[in-house]
Amino acid sequence: MDIRVKKMIRAAVNWAGLVFFIIAAVILYKQLSKHTAAEIFGAMAAIPATNLLYAILACAVGYFTLALYDGLALKYLNRKLSPKKWLLAGFIGFTVSNNAGTAVVSGGATRYPMYAKWRFKMSEIVKMMVFIGFTYLMGCLSTIILGYFIVPDNVRNVPGIGFITLLCTMAFIGYFAVCAFYKKPVMIRGEEFKIPSVRMGAAQTLLGMADSFFAMLVLYFVATPFIDAPLSVFLGVFVIAQVLGIFSQVPGGLGVFEGLFMLIMPDHADPAQLFGALIAYRIIYFLFPLIIAGLVLSVRIVGSKYRRRIASS
């Protein structure tokens, strides 16, 4: 591919994120312009403590599920590693990528020092990240397909939703077709990538769906005091907003997810209360794990320096 074409594609992807963010900001402004900040933060304060506890537990299980991506990737590579190590790498990797966006790049950069320390080759780490990326993708594809069939009719009839679901379905079927019938390794820049088995593809799909489900539960628990919607409807709206937020390339889908979720949620939901719940969701699912990961990394760095100092003395 011509270098200029590559630069144009890269620029288009980068600008797409900004465009989506601006559109989402306009949507949010129109929906919230009739409400004060006091109303929004009042809604956050009105969330029952029990619901907050359930949301935190769902978040903990969700990040444990995300960390299992690394365990499945190690099985794909046929490499063994202590669960304590790959759970740590997976948790820290996803706390960073969930907030920074571009999961493969940011998650890979975070994981690399740890796996390199554990004597993994660069090529193995790259293969792990590609596999993790496809696991995440399969989760996105399967959940948006599921979401299409359980959302209300007004969401299903939004222009473009049906076409997006069709593309996701074709990609989903295509992945399993490759797993079932294409047995030769794929060569990319001199590196050999083996095709996962159908069983491994199914494991990727189920793990990706579980990840989305627990993330949805975090928002469900903080929003249910204000929204009277069945869990199936809530799940459908959540996964569509989540996946489109991911595809927007905006870090964490910030603004895009909130705008889409508020736009397609049933009309009886109060915007100020719903936005308050969305802020609480952001704090619990994105901010808290990032703080914990930062503390864990700090302790590891300080402990490593202390051990080196003791060894050299």
Protein backbone atom coordinates (compact mmCIF):
# COMPACT_ATOMS: atom_id res chain seq x y z
CA MET A 1 0.00 0.00 0.00
CA ASP A 2 1.28 3.48 -0.89
CA ILE A 3 2.74 5.44 2.05
CA ARG A 4 0.47 8.41 1.34
CA VAL A 5 -2.59 6.16 1.40
CA LYS A 6 -1.48 4.71 4.75
CA LYS A 7 -1.08 8.22 6.16
CA MET A 8 -4.52 9.22 4.88
CA ILE A 9 -6.12 6.12 6.46
CA ARG A 10 -4.33 6.75 9.76
CA ALA A 11 -5.41 10.40 9.74
CA ALA A 12 -9.01 9.41 8.93
CA VAL A 13 -9.10 7.01 11.89
CA ASN A 14 -7.67 9.67 14.22
CA TRP A 15 -10.11 12.34 13.01
CA ALA A 16 -13.02 9.89 13.23
CA GLY A 17 -12.55 9.71 16.98
CA LEU A 18 -12.71 13.50 17.27
CA VAL A 19 -15.80 13.68 15.07
CA PHE A 20 -17.60 11.02 17.12
CA PHE A 21 -16.65 12.84 20.31
CA ILE A 22 -18.04 16.16 19.03
CA ILE A 23 -21.29 14.53 17.90
CA ALA A 24 -21.63 12.80 21.26
CA ALA A 25 -20.94 16.08 23.09
CA VAL A 26 -23.70 17.81 21.12
CA ILE A 27 -26.14 14.98 21.89
CA LEU A 28 -25.29 15.12 25.59
CA TYR A 29 -25.63 18.90 25.67
CA LYS A 30 -29.09 18.80 24.10
CA GLN A 31 -30.23 16.09 26.49
CA LEU A 32 -28.85 17.72 29.63
CA SER A 33 -29.34 21.42 28.88
CA LYS A 34 -32.59 21.49 30.87
CA HIS A 35 -30.96 20.08 34.00
CA THR A 36 -28.56 21.59 36.53
CA ALA A 37 -25.36 20.06 37.86
CA ALA A 38 -27.04 19.86 41.28
CA GLU A 39 -29.76 17.61 39.82
CA ILE A 40 -27.17 15.30 38.23
CA PHE A 41 -25.00 14.98 41.34
CA GLY A 42 -28.12 14.66 43.43
CA ALA A 43 -28.99 11.61 41.36
CA MET A 44 -25.55 10.14 42.06
CA ALA A 45 -26.04 10.70 45.79
CA ALA A 46 -29.46 9.02 45.60
CA ILE A 47 -28.00 5.66 44.52
CA PRO A 48 -28.59 3.22 47.41
CA ALA A 49 -25.47 1.88 49.15
CA THR A 50 -26.58 -1.69 48.41
CA ASN A 51 -26.67 -0.95 44.70
CA LEU A 52 -23.21 0.60 44.86
CA LEU A 53 -21.89 -2.50 46.60
CA TYR A 54 -23.40 -4.77 43.95
CA ALA A 55 -21.89 -2.56 41.23
CA ILE A 56 -18.43 -2.80 42.83
CA LEU A 57 -18.71 -6.59 43.09
CA ALA A 58 -19.79 -6.80 39.43
CA CYS A 59 -16.80 -4.62 38.52
CA ALA A 60 -14.42 -6.92 40.43
CA VAL A 61 -15.79 -10.02 38.68
CA GLY A 62 -15.68 -8.17 35.36
CA TYR A 63 -11.98 -7.35 35.67
CA PHE A 64 -11.26 -10.91 36.76
CA THR A 65 -13.01 -12.00 33.55
CA LEU A 66 -10.90 -9.56 31.55
CA ALA A 67 -7.73 -10.95 33.14
CA LEU A 68 -8.77 -14.41 31.91
CA TYR A 69 -8.09 -13.13 28.38
CA ASP A 70 -4.38 -13.48 29.17
CA GLY A 71 -4.87 -17.01 30.49
CA LEU A 72 -6.66 -18.03 27.30
CA ALA A 73 -3.96 -16.36 25.19
CA LEU A 74 -1.29 -18.35 27.04
CA LYS A 75 -3.21 -21.53 26.29
CA TYR A 76 -3.30 -20.50 22.63
CA LEU A 77 0.50 -20.11 22.72
CA ASN A 78 0.86 -23.34 24.66
CA ARG A 79 2.87 -21.48 27.31
CA LYS A 80 2.60 -22.02 31.06
CA LEU A 81 2.80 -19.23 33.61
CA SER A 82 1.72 -18.84 37.20
CA PRO A 83 -1.94 -17.64 37.34
CA LYS A 84 -0.83 -15.02 39.86
CA LYS A 85 1.37 -13.45 37.19
CA TRP A 86 -0.96 -13.52 34.18
CA LEU A 87 -3.94 -12.37 36.26
CA LEU A 88 -1.87 -9.38 37.36
CA ALA A 89 -0.75 -8.63 33.80
CA GLY A 90 -4.28 -8.95 32.46
CA PHE A 91 -5.79 -6.72 35.14
CA ILE A 92 -3.22 -3.96 34.76
CA GLY A 93 -3.26 -4.21 30.96
CA PHE A 94 -7.03 -3.79 30.75
CA THR A 95 -7.27 -1.01 33.32
CA VAL A 96 -4.92 1.00 31.10
CA SER A 97 -6.46 0.06 27.75
CA ASN A 98 -10.03 0.64 28.98
CA ASN A 99 -9.11 4.21 29.85
CA ALA A 100 -6.58 4.98 27.12
CA GLY A 101 -8.29 3.32 24.16
CA THR A 102 -6.51 1.45 21.32
CA ALA A 103 -6.56 -1.70 23.47
CA VAL A 104 -3.96 -3.69 21.53
CA VAL A 105 -1.40 -0.87 21.56
CA SER A 106 -1.86 0.51 25.08
CA GLY A 107 -2.55 -2.90 26.61
CA GLY A 108 0.46 -4.39 24.85
CA ALA A 109 2.78 -1.59 25.97
CA THR A 110 1.63 -2.11 29.56
CA ARG A 111 2.03 -5.88 29.46
CA TYR A 112 5.37 -5.97 27.63
CA PRO A 113 7.70 -5.16 30.60
CA MET A 114 6.01 -7.82 32.73
CA TYR A 115 6.03 -10.62 30.15
CA ALA A 116 9.55 -9.71 29.04
CA LYS A 117 10.65 -10.05 32.66
CA TRP A 118 9.02 -13.49 32.69
CA ARG A 119 11.19 -14.44 29.67
CA PHE A 120 8.63 -14.17 26.93
CA LYS A 121 9.91 -13.31 23.48
CA MET A 122 8.68 -10.18 21.74
CA SER A 123 7.03 -12.31 19.06
CA GLU A 124 5.12 -14.26 21.72
CA ILE A 125 3.86 -11.06 23.36
CA VAL A 126 2.71 -9.76 19.96
CA LYS A 127 0.85 -13.00 19.29
CA MET A 128 -0.78 -12.79 22.70
CA MET A 129 -1.97 -9.25 22.05
CA VAL A 130 -3.35 -10.17 18.61
CA PHE A 131 -5.20 -13.11 20.17
CA ILE A 132 -6.52 -10.91 22.99
CA GLY A 133 -7.61 -8.36 20.40
CA PHE A 134 -9.59 -11.01 18.51
CA THR A 135 -11.11 -12.26 21.77
CA TYR A 136 -12.31 -8.73 22.50
CA LEU A 137 -13.58 -8.40 18.94
CA MET A 138 -15.53 -11.66 19.10
CA GLY A 139 -17.11 -10.47 22.33
CA CYS A 140 -18.11 -7.21 20.64
CA LEU A 141 -19.51 -8.96 17.56
CA SER A 142 -21.53 -11.51 19.52
CA THR A 143 -22.94 -9.00 22.00
CA ILE A 144 -24.03 -6.51 19.35
CA ILE A 145 -25.77 -9.34 17.46
CA LEU A 146 -27.49 -10.42 20.67
CA GLY A 147 -28.30 -6.84 21.56
CA TYR A 148 -30.04 -6.24 18.24
CA PHE A 149 -32.64 -8.91 18.99
CA ILE A 150 -33.43 -7.86 22.56
CA VAL A 151 -33.55 -4.05 22.28
CA PRO A 152 -36.86 -2.19 21.86
CA ASP A 153 -38.23 -1.68 18.34
CA ASN A 154 -37.36 2.03 18.37
CA VAL A 155 -33.67 1.11 18.73
CA ARG A 156 -33.80 -1.63 16.12
CA ASN A 157 -35.28 0.85 13.65
CA VAL A 158 -32.53 3.45 14.10
CA PRO A 159 -30.91 3.98 10.67
CA GLY A 160 -27.68 2.02 10.34
CA ILE A 161 -28.20 -0.34 13.30
CA GLY A 162 -29.49 -3.15 11.10
CA PHE A 163 -26.61 -2.73 8.63
CA ILE A 164 -24.03 -2.71 11.42
CA THR A 165 -25.57 -5.86 12.89
CA LEU A 166 -25.44 -7.53 9.48
CA LEU A 167 -21.74 -6.70 9.13
CA CYS A 168 -21.07 -8.03 12.64
CA THR A 169 -22.94 -11.25 11.82
CA MET A 170 -20.93 -11.76 8.62
CA ALA A 171 -17.65 -11.14 10.48
CA PHE A 172 -18.71 -13.48 13.29
CA ILE A 173 -19.57 -16.31 10.88
CA GLY A 174 -16.44 -15.62 8.86
CA TYR A 175 -14.18 -15.99 11.91
CA PHE A 176 -15.63 -19.39 12.78
CA ALA A 177 -15.45 -20.47 9.14
CA VAL A 178 -11.74 -19.69 9.14
CA CYS A 179 -11.30 -21.55 12.45
CA ALA A 180 -13.12 -24.58 11.05
CA PHE A 181 -11.71 -24.84 7.53
CA TYR A 182 -8.43 -22.93 7.31
CA LYS A 183 -5.75 -24.96 9.05
CA LYS A 184 -2.57 -23.38 7.68
CA PRO A 185 -0.73 -20.80 9.81
CA VAL A 186 -0.86 -17.18 8.65
CA MET A 187 2.44 -15.42 8.06
CA ILE A 188 2.56 -11.73 9.06
CA ARG A 189 5.89 -9.93 8.75
CA GLY A 190 7.81 -13.16 9.10
CA GLU A 191 5.89 -14.33 12.16
CA GLU A 192 3.70 -17.43 12.07
CA PHE A 193 0.22 -17.10 13.57
CA LYS A 194 -1.68 -20.34 13.98
CA ILE A 195 -5.44 -20.32 13.44
CA PRO A 196 -7.42 -21.02 16.65
CA SER A 197 -9.61 -24.11 16.74
CA VAL A 198 -13.40 -23.82 16.71
CA ARG A 199 -13.36 -24.74 20.40
CA MET A 200 -10.89 -21.95 21.12
CA GLY A 201 -13.01 -19.53 19.07
CA ALA A 202 -16.05 -20.50 21.13
CA ALA A 203 -14.07 -19.87 24.33
CA GLN A 204 -13.06 -16.45 22.99
CA THR A 205 -16.69 -15.62 22.23
CA LEU A 206 -18.03 -16.70 25.61
CA LEU A 207 -15.26 -14.86 27.46
CA GLY A 208 -15.88 -11.69 25.45
CA MET A 209 -19.62 -11.88 26.12
CA ALA A 210 -19.04 -12.43 29.85
CA ASP A 211 -16.83 -9.33 29.92
CA SER A 212 -19.61 -7.18 28.42
CA PHE A 213 -22.23 -8.73 30.70
CA PHE A 214 -20.41 -7.84 33.93
CA ALA A 215 -19.62 -4.35 32.66
CA MET A 216 -23.33 -3.95 31.94
CA LEU A 217 -24.20 -5.13 35.46
CA VAL A 218 -22.12 -2.31 36.94
CA LEU A 219 -24.26 0.27 35.14
CA TYR A 220 -27.44 -1.73 35.72
CA PHE A 221 -27.04 -1.68 39.50
CA VAL A 222 -26.37 2.07 39.69
CA ALA A 223 -29.11 2.94 37.18
CA THR A 224 -31.98 0.69 38.26
CA PRO A 225 -33.11 3.07 41.04
CA PHE A 226 -34.01 5.51 38.24
CA ILE A 227 -34.86 3.29 35.25
CA ASP A 228 -37.74 0.85 35.03
CA ALA A 229 -36.47 -1.34 32.19
CA PRO A 230 -36.12 -5.14 31.90
CA LEU A 231 -32.59 -6.53 32.18
CA SER A 232 -32.78 -7.82 28.58
CA VAL A 233 -33.61 -4.34 27.23
CA PHE A 234 -30.90 -2.78 29.38
CA LEU A 235 -28.36 -5.31 28.13
CA GLY A 236 -29.29 -4.70 24.50
CA VAL A 237 -28.99 -0.92 24.78
CA PHE A 238 -25.74 -1.21 26.75
CA VAL A 239 -23.90 -3.48 24.33
CA ILE A 240 -24.85 -1.43 21.27
CA ALA A 241 -23.71 1.81 22.93
CA GLN A 242 -20.57 0.12 24.28
CA VAL A 243 -19.47 -1.43 21.00
CA LEU A 244 -20.12 1.72 18.96
CA GLY A 245 -18.22 3.66 21.64
CA ILE A 246 -15.26 1.29 21.22
CA PHE A 247 -15.36 1.56 17.43
CA SER A 248 -15.39 5.37 17.69
CA GLN A 249 -11.69 5.21 18.79
CA VAL A 250 -12.41 7.70 21.60
CA PRO A 251 -10.54 6.55 24.76
CA GLY A 252 -12.98 4.54 26.85
CA GLY A 253 -15.78 5.61 24.48
CA LEU A 254 -15.95 8.75 26.68
CA GLY A 255 -18.97 10.83 25.71
CA VAL A 256 -19.84 8.59 22.77
CA PHE A 257 -21.07 5.78 25.02
CA GLU A 258 -23.03 8.15 27.26
CA GLY A 259 -24.58 10.00 24.33
CA LEU A 260 -25.68 6.84 22.55
CA PHE A 261 -26.94 5.19 25.73
CA MET A 262 -29.08 8.18 26.67
CA LEU A 263 -30.28 8.56 23.09
CA ILE A 264 -31.55 5.00 22.64
CA MET A 265 -32.69 4.24 26.19
CA PRO A 266 -36.51 4.20 26.56
CA ASP A 267 -38.00 7.73 26.79
CA HIS A 268 -39.30 7.37 30.32
CA ALA A 269 -35.78 7.59 31.79
CA ASP A 270 -35.02 10.99 33.36
CA PRO A 271 -31.88 12.42 31.64
CA ALA A 272 -30.41 13.98 34.79
CA GLN A 273 -30.82 10.80 36.83
CA LEU A 274 -29.53 8.62 33.99
CA PHE A 275 -26.47 10.82 33.49
CA GLY A 276 -25.77 10.71 37.24
CA ALA A 277 -25.83 6.91 37.04
CA LEU A 278 -23.49 7.01 34.02
CA ILE A 279 -21.00 9.14 35.96
CA ALA A 280 -21.14 6.66 38.85
CA TYR A 281 -20.53 3.86 36.33
CA ARG A 282 -17.47 5.68 34.96
CA ILE A 283 -16.05 6.12 38.46
CA ILE A 284 -16.60 2.50 39.51
CA TYR A 285 -15.67 0.71 36.28
CA PHE A 286 -12.90 2.96 34.93
CA LEU A 287 -11.47 5.22 37.64
CA PHE A 288 -11.34 2.89 40.66
CA PRO A 289 -9.57 0.00 38.83
CA LEU A 290 -7.09 2.48 37.32
CA ILE A 291 -6.24 3.82 40.78
CA ILE A 292 -5.82 0.28 42.12
CA ALA A 293 -3.61 -0.69 39.16
CA GLY A 294 -1.50 2.44 39.71
CA LEU A 295 -1.01 1.55 43.38
CA VAL A 296 -0.10 -2.05 42.51
CA LEU A 297 2.45 -0.91 39.92
CA SER A 298 3.92 1.62 42.38
CA VAL A 299 4.31 -1.04 45.06
CA ARG A 300 5.95 -3.41 42.55
CA ILE A 301 8.40 -0.73 41.38
CA VAL A 302 9.33 0.34 44.91
CA GLY A 303 9.64 -3.31 46.01
CA SER A 304 11.85 -4.13 43.02
CA LYS A 305 14.17 -1.18 43.75
CA TYR A 306 14.33 -2.17 47.42
CA ARG A 307 15.25 -5.77 46.59
CA ARG A 308 17.99 -4.60 44.18
CA ARG A 309 19.38 -2.28 46.84
CA ILE A 310 19.43 -5.10 49.41
CA ALA A 311 21.10 -7.47 46.90
CA SER A 312 23.79 -4.95 46.04
CA SER A 313 24.62 -4.09 49.65
